[in-house]
Amino acid sequence: MLTRAFWKATGERSVRTFAQSTLAVLTGGSFGLLDAPWQGAVGAGGLAAVLAVLTAIATSGGSEGPGLTETVTK
């Protein structure tokens, strides 16, 4: 958890999680671009990204990577 590679991998994971969660909220109701609930979608994406970072920290004890079985290249 104290390596630069860990935080790079965790950052990439949180950005992907943010994008996936935001898109899931936006496309779940088939909204138009102007009618989409942007505030709620971005809020859900932000919460998911924070949870991804906290999960990476909580599971970092067993390996160098942000997941339970992952390793990162240095």
Protein backbone atom coordinates (compact mmCIF):
# COMPACT_ATOMS: atom_id res chain seq x y z
CA MET A 1 0.00 0.00 0.00
CA LEU A 2 2.95 2.30 0.40
CA THR A 3 4.16 2.03 -3.19
CA ARG A 4 3.56 4.39 -6.07
CA ALA A 5 2.45 1.44 -8.21
CA PHE A 6 -0.30 0.58 -5.70
CA TRP A 7 -1.71 4.11 -5.78
CA LYS A 8 -1.49 4.30 -9.57
CA ALA A 9 -3.45 1.05 -9.91
CA THR A 10 -5.94 2.21 -7.27
CA GLY A 11 -6.41 5.55 -9.03
CA GLU A 12 -7.06 3.84 -12.35
CA ARG A 13 -9.56 1.50 -10.70
CA SER A 14 -11.44 4.36 -9.03
CA VAL A 15 -11.67 6.31 -12.32
CA ARG A 16 -13.07 3.24 -14.10
CA THR A 17 -15.53 2.63 -11.27
CA PHE A 18 -16.66 6.28 -11.38
CA ALA A 19 -17.27 6.10 -15.13
CA GLN A 20 -19.08 2.77 -14.96
CA SER A 21 -21.36 3.83 -12.12
CA THR A 22 -22.18 7.19 -13.69
CA LEU A 23 -23.01 5.57 -17.02
CA ALA A 24 -25.11 2.92 -15.30
CA VAL A 25 -27.28 5.58 -13.65
CA LEU A 26 -27.56 7.65 -16.82
CA THR A 27 -28.42 4.77 -19.14
CA GLY A 28 -30.59 2.85 -16.69
CA GLY A 29 -33.60 5.04 -17.33
CA SER A 30 -32.89 5.80 -21.00
CA PHE A 31 -32.86 9.55 -20.41
CA GLY A 32 -32.14 12.12 -23.06
CA LEU A 33 -28.94 14.11 -22.72
CA LEU A 34 -30.72 17.20 -21.39
CA ASP A 35 -33.17 15.26 -19.21
CA ALA A 36 -30.58 13.07 -17.51
CA PRO A 37 -30.24 13.28 -13.71
CA TRP A 38 -26.62 14.47 -13.86
CA GLN A 39 -26.32 15.45 -10.20
CA GLY A 40 -27.50 12.06 -8.99
CA ALA A 41 -25.40 10.19 -11.54
CA VAL A 42 -22.20 12.05 -10.65
CA GLY A 43 -22.97 11.64 -6.96
CA ALA A 44 -23.40 7.88 -7.36
CA GLY A 45 -20.21 7.69 -9.41
CA GLY A 46 -18.27 9.66 -6.80
CA LEU A 47 -19.48 7.44 -3.99
CA ALA A 48 -18.56 4.33 -5.96
CA ALA A 49 -15.07 5.73 -6.63
CA VAL A 50 -14.53 6.45 -2.92
CA LEU A 51 -15.68 2.94 -2.07
CA ALA A 52 -13.26 1.51 -4.65
CA VAL A 53 -10.37 3.34 -2.99
CA LEU A 54 -11.44 2.24 0.49
CA THR A 55 -11.80 -1.35 -0.71
CA ALA A 56 -8.30 -1.25 -2.19
CA ILE A 57 -6.89 0.02 1.11
CA ALA A 58 -8.81 -2.54 3.16
CA THR A 59 -7.68 -5.47 1.01
CA SER A 60 -4.07 -4.38 0.54
CA GLY A 61 -2.64 -6.43 3.36
CA GLY A 62 -2.02 -9.62 1.39
CA SER A 63 -0.48 -8.40 -1.85
CA GLU A 64 1.17 -5.46 -3.52
CA GLY A 65 -1.84 -4.73 -5.71
CA PRO A 66 -5.11 -3.05 -4.76
CA GLY A 67 -7.03 -6.34 -4.82
CA LEU A 68 -6.77 -9.57 -2.87
CA THR A 69 -5.00 -11.51 -5.64
CA GLU A 70 -3.47 -8.72 -7.72
CA THR A 71 0.13 -7.72 -8.01
CA VAL A 72 1.43 -4.60 -9.66
CA THR A 73 4.47 -4.24 -11.84
CA LYS A 74 7.04 -1.71 -10.74
